[in-house]
Amino acid sequence: MLRESELLKKFENDFLKNAGRLSFEQASRLFAGMWEEGLRLGVLPPKSPLDGIEADIRMARILNSCLKNSCQK
């Protein structure tokens, strides 16, 4: 466990500043890799596609509001 939280926070902030946004290709590769990992772990595809949809919708609303708020700065 890292105890130097300030150092870790600085590293994360610097990394995000330098990395910038992902391109569509990078995001697609990341998604495909996570999907494959989910398949290997046996958690994807879901048995019932609509199972937990309410939580997904709520999370999407939260993330979209964060995105809108961060773009206004």
PDB file of N, CA and C in Angstrom:
ATOM      1  N   MET A   1       0.843  -1.182   0.000  1.00  0.00           N
ATOM      2  CA  MET A   1       0.000   0.000   0.000  1.00  0.00           C
ATOM      3  C   MET A   1       0.889   1.247   0.000  1.00  0.00           C
ATOM      4  N   LEU A   2       0.535   2.192  -0.828  1.00  0.00           N
ATOM      5  CA  LEU A   2       1.313   3.427  -0.902  1.00  0.00           C
ATOM      6  C   LEU A   2       0.904   4.371   0.217  1.00  0.00           C
ATOM      7  N   ARG A   3       1.897   4.851   0.935  1.00  0.00           N
ATOM      8  CA  ARG A   3       1.608   5.786   2.019  1.00  0.00           C
ATOM      9  C   ARG A   3       1.861   7.223   1.597  1.00  0.00           C
ATOM     10  N   GLU A   4       2.603   7.383   0.548  1.00  0.00           N
ATOM     11  CA  GLU A   4       2.921   8.726   0.082  1.00  0.00           C
ATOM     12  C   GLU A   4       1.820   9.187  -0.868  1.00  0.00           C
ATOM     13  N   SER A   5       0.667   9.492  -0.289  1.00  0.00           N
ATOM     14  CA  SER A   5      -0.492   9.820  -1.117  1.00  0.00           C
ATOM     15  C   SER A   5      -0.282  11.092  -1.937  1.00  0.00           C
ATOM     16  N   GLU A   6       0.439  12.049  -1.402  1.00  0.00           N
ATOM     17  CA  GLU A   6       0.690  13.280  -2.159  1.00  0.00           C
ATOM     18  C   GLU A   6       1.529  12.984  -3.397  1.00  0.00           C
ATOM     19  N   LEU A   7       2.523  12.111  -3.248  1.00  0.00           N
ATOM     20  CA  LEU A   7       3.360  11.727  -4.379  1.00  0.00           C
ATOM     21  C   LEU A   7       2.532  10.983  -5.426  1.00  0.00           C
ATOM     22  N   LEU A   8       1.661  10.102  -4.966  1.00  0.00           N
ATOM     23  CA  LEU A   8       0.794   9.365  -5.884  1.00  0.00           C
ATOM     24  C   LEU A   8      -0.163  10.315  -6.601  1.00  0.00           C
ATOM     25  N   LYS A   9      -0.748  11.244  -5.873  1.00  0.00           N
ATOM     26  CA  LYS A   9      -1.660  12.215  -6.493  1.00  0.00           C
ATOM     27  C   LYS A   9      -0.934  13.052  -7.545  1.00  0.00           C
ATOM     28  N   LYS A  10       0.294  13.458  -7.227  1.00  0.00           N
ATOM     29  CA  LYS A  10       1.068  14.244  -8.187  1.00  0.00           C
ATOM     30  C   LYS A  10       1.353  13.420  -9.439  1.00  0.00           C
ATOM     31  N   PHE A  11       1.727  12.155  -9.248  1.00  0.00           N
ATOM     32  CA  PHE A  11       1.984  11.280 -10.387  1.00  0.00           C
ATOM     33  C   PHE A  11       0.735  11.140 -11.254  1.00  0.00           C
ATOM     34  N   GLU A  12      -0.425  10.889 -10.625  1.00  0.00           N
ATOM     35  CA  GLU A  12      -1.669  10.734 -11.379  1.00  0.00           C
ATOM     36  C   GLU A  12      -2.001  12.002 -12.150  1.00  0.00           C
ATOM     37  N   ASN A  13      -1.882  13.142 -11.495  1.00  0.00           N
ATOM     38  CA  ASN A  13      -2.191  14.414 -12.163  1.00  0.00           C
ATOM     39  C   ASN A  13      -1.252  14.676 -13.330  1.00  0.00           C
ATOM     40  N   ASP A  14       0.038  14.438 -13.121  1.00  0.00           N
ATOM     41  CA  ASP A  14       1.008  14.628 -14.205  1.00  0.00           C
ATOM     42  C   ASP A  14       0.739  13.672 -15.360  1.00  0.00           C
ATOM     43  N   PHE A  15       0.427  12.434 -15.025  1.00  0.00           N
ATOM     44  CA  PHE A  15       0.152  11.440 -16.061  1.00  0.00           C
ATOM     45  C   PHE A  15      -1.061  11.852 -16.888  1.00  0.00           C
ATOM     46  N   LEU A  16      -2.123  12.290 -16.225  1.00  0.00           N
ATOM     47  CA  LEU A  16      -3.329  12.695 -16.944  1.00  0.00           C
ATOM     48  C   LEU A  16      -3.084  13.925 -17.807  1.00  0.00           C
ATOM     49  N   LYS A  17      -2.289  14.857 -17.315  1.00  0.00           N
ATOM     50  CA  LYS A  17      -1.987  16.053 -18.106  1.00  0.00           C
ATOM     51  C   LYS A  17      -1.205  15.697 -19.362  1.00  0.00           C
ATOM     52  N   ASN A  18      -0.229  14.818 -19.225  1.00  0.00           N
ATOM     53  CA  ASN A  18       0.621  14.461 -20.361  1.00  0.00           C
ATOM     54  C   ASN A  18      -0.061  13.501 -21.319  1.00  0.00           C
ATOM     55  N   ALA A  19      -0.885  12.607 -20.803  1.00  0.00           N
ATOM     56  CA  ALA A  19      -1.522  11.600 -21.655  1.00  0.00           C
ATOM     57  C   ALA A  19      -2.645  12.213 -22.489  1.00  0.00           C
ATOM     58  N   GLY A  20      -3.337  13.177 -21.934  1.00  0.00           N
ATOM     59  CA  GLY A  20      -4.441  13.789 -22.661  1.00  0.00           C
ATOM     60  C   GLY A  20      -5.604  12.830 -22.847  1.00  0.00           C
ATOM     61  N   ARG A  21      -6.449  13.153 -23.790  1.00  0.00           N
ATOM     62  CA  ARG A  21      -7.607  12.310 -24.062  1.00  0.00           C
ATOM     63  C   ARG A  21      -7.205  11.147 -24.940  1.00  0.00           C
ATOM     64  N   LEU A  22      -7.951  10.056 -24.816  1.00  0.00           N
ATOM     65  CA  LEU A  22      -7.712   8.889 -25.661  1.00  0.00           C
ATOM     66  C   LEU A  22      -8.305   9.129 -27.038  1.00  0.00           C
ATOM     67  N   SER A  23      -7.623   8.632 -28.040  1.00  0.00           N
ATOM     68  CA  SER A  23      -8.191   8.674 -29.385  1.00  0.00           C
ATOM     69  C   SER A  23      -9.272   7.601 -29.472  1.00  0.00           C
ATOM     70  N   PHE A  24     -10.065   7.654 -30.526  1.00  0.00           N
ATOM     71  CA  PHE A  24     -11.111   6.652 -30.703  1.00  0.00           C
ATOM     72  C   PHE A  24     -10.495   5.262 -30.792  1.00  0.00           C
ATOM     73  N   GLU A  25      -9.379   5.152 -31.504  1.00  0.00           N
ATOM     74  CA  GLU A  25      -8.718   3.850 -31.660  1.00  0.00           C
ATOM     75  C   GLU A  25      -8.218   3.319 -30.315  1.00  0.00           C
ATOM     76  N   GLN A  26      -7.608   4.185 -29.509  1.00  0.00           N
ATOM     77  CA  GLN A  26      -7.122   3.764 -28.196  1.00  0.00           C
ATOM     78  C   GLN A  26      -8.280   3.339 -27.299  1.00  0.00           C
ATOM     79  N   ALA A  27      -9.364   4.119 -27.322  1.00  0.00           N
ATOM     80  CA  ALA A  27     -10.524   3.786 -26.503  1.00  0.00           C
ATOM     81  C   ALA A  27     -11.151   2.471 -26.951  1.00  0.00           C
ATOM     82  N   SER A  28     -11.200   2.239 -28.261  1.00  0.00           N
ATOM     83  CA  SER A  28     -11.760   0.985 -28.780  1.00  0.00           C
ATOM     84  C   SER A  28     -10.915  -0.213 -28.360  1.00  0.00           C
ATOM     85  N   ARG A  29      -9.594  -0.060 -28.425  1.00  0.00           N
ATOM     86  CA  ARG A  29      -8.708  -1.155 -27.999  1.00  0.00           C
ATOM     87  C   ARG A  29      -8.849  -1.420 -26.506  1.00  0.00           C
ATOM     88  N   LEU A  30      -8.966  -0.362 -25.726  1.00  0.00           N
ATOM     89  CA  LEU A  30      -9.140  -0.510 -24.288  1.00  0.00           C
ATOM     90  C   LEU A  30     -10.449  -1.230 -23.980  1.00  0.00           C
ATOM     91  N   PHE A  31     -11.528  -0.823 -24.643  1.00  0.00           N
ATOM     92  CA  PHE A  31     -12.823  -1.464 -24.439  1.00  0.00           C
ATOM     93  C   PHE A  31     -12.771  -2.934 -24.831  1.00  0.00           C
ATOM     94  N   ALA A  32     -12.163  -3.228 -25.984  1.00  0.00           N
ATOM     95  CA  ALA A  32     -12.074  -4.619 -26.447  1.00  0.00           C
ATOM     96  C   ALA A  32     -11.279  -5.466 -25.460  1.00  0.00           C
ATOM     97  N   GLY A  33     -10.206  -4.920 -24.931  1.00  0.00           N
ATOM     98  CA  GLY A  33      -9.409  -5.652 -23.949  1.00  0.00           C
ATOM     99  C   GLY A  33     -10.172  -5.929 -22.672  1.00  0.00           C
ATOM    100  N   MET A  34     -10.927  -4.925 -22.209  1.00  0.00           N
ATOM    101  CA  MET A  34     -11.720  -5.130 -20.995  1.00  0.00           C
ATOM    102  C   MET A  34     -12.837  -6.134 -21.245  1.00  0.00           C
ATOM    103  N   TRP A  35     -13.426  -6.102 -22.441  1.00  0.00           N
ATOM    104  CA  TRP A  35     -14.485  -7.057 -22.779  1.00  0.00           C
ATOM    105  C   TRP A  35     -13.927  -8.483 -22.773  1.00  0.00           C
ATOM    106  N   GLU A  36     -12.754  -8.662 -23.376  1.00  0.00           N
ATOM    107  CA  GLU A  36     -12.128  -9.989 -23.399  1.00  0.00           C
ATOM    108  C   GLU A  36     -11.819 -10.473 -21.986  1.00  0.00           C
ATOM    109  N   GLU A  37     -11.357  -9.581 -21.137  1.00  0.00           N
ATOM    110  CA  GLU A  37     -11.079  -9.941 -19.744  1.00  0.00           C
ATOM    111  C   GLU A  37     -12.363 -10.367 -19.038  1.00  0.00           C
ATOM    112  N   GLY A  38     -13.450  -9.644 -19.289  1.00  0.00           N
ATOM    113  CA  GLY A  38     -14.741 -10.018 -18.711  1.00  0.00           C
ATOM    114  C   GLY A  38     -15.204 -11.384 -19.185  1.00  0.00           C
ATOM    115  N   LEU A  39     -14.970 -11.686 -20.461  1.00  0.00           N
ATOM    116  CA  LEU A  39     -15.321 -13.010 -20.986  1.00  0.00           C
ATOM    117  C   LEU A  39     -14.515 -14.095 -20.283  1.00  0.00           C
ATOM    118  N   ARG A  40     -13.215 -13.852 -20.111  1.00  0.00           N
ATOM    119  CA  ARG A  40     -12.355 -14.843 -19.448  1.00  0.00           C
ATOM    120  C   ARG A  40     -12.750 -15.057 -17.998  1.00  0.00           C
ATOM    121  N   LEU A  41     -13.189 -13.991 -17.337  1.00  0.00           N
ATOM    122  CA  LEU A  41     -13.600 -14.102 -15.939  1.00  0.00           C
ATOM    123  C   LEU A  41     -14.996 -14.695 -15.788  1.00  0.00           C
ATOM    124  N   GLY A  42     -15.722 -14.773 -16.891  1.00  0.00           N
ATOM    125  CA  GLY A  42     -17.060 -15.347 -16.856  1.00  0.00           C
ATOM    126  C   GLY A  42     -18.154 -14.389 -16.427  1.00  0.00           C
ATOM    127  N   VAL A  43     -17.862 -13.095 -16.411  1.00  0.00           N
ATOM    128  CA  VAL A  43     -18.878 -12.118 -16.020  1.00  0.00           C
ATOM    129  C   VAL A  43     -19.564 -11.479 -17.224  1.00  0.00           C
ATOM    130  N   LEU A  44     -19.049 -11.730 -18.412  1.00  0.00           N
ATOM    131  CA  LEU A  44     -19.654 -11.232 -19.648  1.00  0.00           C
ATOM    132  C   LEU A  44     -19.871 -12.389 -20.595  1.00  0.00           C
ATOM    133  N   PRO A  45     -20.849 -12.390 -21.417  1.00  0.00           N
ATOM    134  CA  PRO A  45     -21.979 -11.463 -21.437  1.00  0.00           C
ATOM    135  C   PRO A  45     -22.921 -11.759 -20.277  1.00  0.00           C
ATOM    136  N   PRO A  46     -23.679 -10.760 -19.859  1.00  0.00           N
ATOM    137  CA  PRO A  46     -24.596 -10.979 -18.740  1.00  0.00           C
ATOM    138  C   PRO A  46     -25.690 -11.974 -19.103  1.00  0.00           C
ATOM    139  N   LYS A  47     -26.151 -12.699 -18.095  1.00  0.00           N
ATOM    140  CA  LYS A  47     -27.216 -13.676 -18.331  1.00  0.00           C
ATOM    141  C   LYS A  47     -28.503 -12.975 -18.755  1.00  0.00           C
ATOM    142  N   SER A  48     -28.798 -11.872 -18.114  1.00  0.00           N
ATOM    143  CA  SER A  48     -29.968 -11.069 -18.466  1.00  0.00           C
ATOM    144  C   SER A  48     -29.473  -9.667 -18.815  1.00  0.00           C
ATOM    145  N   PRO A  49     -29.552  -9.277 -20.081  1.00  0.00           N
ATOM    146  CA  PRO A  49     -28.999  -7.980 -20.489  1.00  0.00           C
ATOM    147  C   PRO A  49     -29.574  -6.780 -19.740  1.00  0.00           C
ATOM    148  N   LEU A  50     -30.805  -6.873 -19.284  1.00  0.00           N
ATOM    149  CA  LEU A  50     -31.421  -5.734 -18.599  1.00  0.00           C
ATOM    150  C   LEU A  50     -31.231  -5.788 -17.087  1.00  0.00           C
ATOM    151  N   ASP A  51     -30.570  -6.818 -16.586  1.00  0.00           N
ATOM    152  CA  ASP A  51     -30.334  -6.933 -15.159  1.00  0.00           C
ATOM    153  C   ASP A  51     -29.407  -5.810 -14.707  1.00  0.00           C
ATOM    154  N   GLY A  52     -29.861  -4.988 -13.791  1.00  0.00           N
ATOM    155  CA  GLY A  52     -29.054  -3.883 -13.286  1.00  0.00           C
ATOM    156  C   GLY A  52     -29.069  -2.640 -14.155  1.00  0.00           C
ATOM    157  N   ILE A  53     -30.017  -2.547 -15.083  1.00  0.00           N
ATOM    158  CA  ILE A  53     -30.055  -1.404 -16.003  1.00  0.00           C
ATOM    159  C   ILE A  53     -30.280  -0.083 -15.260  1.00  0.00           C
ATOM    160  N   GLU A  54     -31.023  -0.142 -14.145  1.00  0.00           N
ATOM    161  CA  GLU A  54     -31.290   1.084 -13.392  1.00  0.00           C
ATOM    162  C   GLU A  54     -29.984   1.682 -12.863  1.00  0.00           C
ATOM    163  N   ALA A  55     -29.110   0.829 -12.357  1.00  0.00           N
ATOM    164  CA  ALA A  55     -27.819   1.311 -11.852  1.00  0.00           C
ATOM    165  C   ALA A  55     -26.970   1.862 -12.992  1.00  0.00           C
ATOM    166  N   ASP A  56     -27.025   1.221 -14.149  1.00  0.00           N
ATOM    167  CA  ASP A  56     -26.260   1.700 -15.305  1.00  0.00           C
ATOM    168  C   ASP A  56     -26.742   3.074 -15.755  1.00  0.00           C
ATOM    169  N   ILE A  57     -28.049   3.261 -15.781  1.00  0.00           N
ATOM    170  CA  ILE A  57     -28.616   4.552 -16.187  1.00  0.00           C
ATOM    171  C   ILE A  57     -28.223   5.634 -15.190  1.00  0.00           C
ATOM    172  N   ARG A  58     -28.298   5.308 -13.912  1.00  0.00           N
ATOM    173  CA  ARG A  58     -27.928   6.280 -12.878  1.00  0.00           C
ATOM    174  C   ARG A  58     -26.451   6.665 -13.007  1.00  0.00           C
ATOM    175  N   MET A  59     -25.596   5.670 -13.214  1.00  0.00           N
ATOM    176  CA  MET A  59     -24.163   5.933 -13.364  1.00  0.00           C
ATOM    177  C   MET A  59     -23.897   6.785 -14.606  1.00  0.00           C
ATOM    178  N   ALA A  60     -24.590   6.502 -15.699  1.00  0.00           N
ATOM    179  CA  ALA A  60     -24.411   7.281 -16.929  1.00  0.00           C
ATOM    180  C   ALA A  60     -24.812   8.734 -16.707  1.00  0.00           C
ATOM    181  N   ARG A  61     -25.892   8.958 -15.984  1.00  0.00           N
ATOM    182  CA  ARG A  61     -26.319  10.334 -15.699  1.00  0.00           C
ATOM    183  C   ARG A  61     -25.272  11.073 -14.876  1.00  0.00           C
ATOM    184  N   ILE A  62     -24.716  10.384 -13.886  1.00  0.00           N
ATOM    185  CA  ILE A  62     -23.692  11.007 -13.041  1.00  0.00           C
ATOM    186  C   ILE A  62     -22.457  11.346 -13.868  1.00  0.00           C
ATOM    187  N   LEU A  63     -21.995  10.389 -14.670  1.00  0.00           N
ATOM    188  CA  LEU A  63     -20.801  10.620 -15.484  1.00  0.00           C
ATOM    189  C   LEU A  63     -21.022  11.720 -16.511  1.00  0.00           C
ATOM    190  N   ASN A  64     -22.194  11.748 -17.126  1.00  0.00           N
ATOM    191  CA  ASN A  64     -22.485  12.794 -18.108  1.00  0.00           C
ATOM    192  C   ASN A  64     -22.530  14.169 -17.455  1.00  0.00           C
ATOM    193  N   SER A  65     -23.083  14.255 -16.244  1.00  0.00           N
ATOM    194  CA  SER A  65     -23.122  15.551 -15.566  1.00  0.00           C
ATOM    195  C   SER A  65     -21.712  15.994 -15.192  1.00  0.00           C
ATOM    196  N   CYS A  66     -20.856  15.048 -14.800  1.00  0.00           N
ATOM    197  CA  CYS A  66     -19.457  15.389 -14.495  1.00  0.00           C
ATOM    198  C   CYS A  66     -18.744  15.889 -15.743  1.00  0.00           C
ATOM    199  N   LEU A  67     -18.991  15.238 -16.861  1.00  0.00           N
ATOM    200  CA  LEU A  67     -18.359  15.639 -18.115  1.00  0.00           C
ATOM    201  C   LEU A  67     -18.806  17.043 -18.506  1.00  0.00           C
ATOM    202  N   LYS A  68     -20.101  17.319 -18.396  1.00  0.00           N
ATOM    203  CA  LYS A  68     -20.606  18.647 -18.745  1.00  0.00           C
ATOM    204  C   LYS A  68     -20.010  19.705 -17.830  1.00  0.00           C
ATOM    205  N   ASN A  69     -19.917  19.395 -16.531  1.00  0.00           N
ATOM    206  CA  ASN A  69     -19.373  20.364 -15.575  1.00  0.00           C
ATOM    207  C   ASN A  69     -17.892  20.611 -15.809  1.00  0.00           C
ATOM    208  N   SER A  70     -17.139  19.579 -16.175  1.00  0.00           N
ATOM    209  CA  SER A  70     -15.702  19.761 -16.384  1.00  0.00           C
ATOM    210  C   SER A  70     -15.419  20.509 -17.684  1.00  0.00           C
ATOM    211  N   CYS A  71     -16.304  20.415 -18.662  1.00  0.00           N
ATOM    212  CA  CYS A  71     -16.111  21.118 -19.935  1.00  0.00           C
ATOM    213  C   CYS A  71     -16.389  22.608 -19.803  1.00  0.00           C
ATOM    214  N   GLN A  72     -17.159  23.000 -18.804  1.00  0.00           N
ATOM    215  CA  GLN A  72     -17.517  24.400 -18.639  1.00  0.00           C
ATOM    216  C   GLN A  72     -16.400  25.207 -18.003  1.00  0.00           C
ATOM    217  N   LYS A  73     -15.414  24.552 -17.401  1.00  0.00           N
ATOM    218  CA  LYS A  73     -14.339  25.269 -16.702  1.00  0.00           C
ATOM    219  C   LYS A  73     -13.367  25.885 -17.653  1.00  0.00           C
TER     220      LYS A  73
END
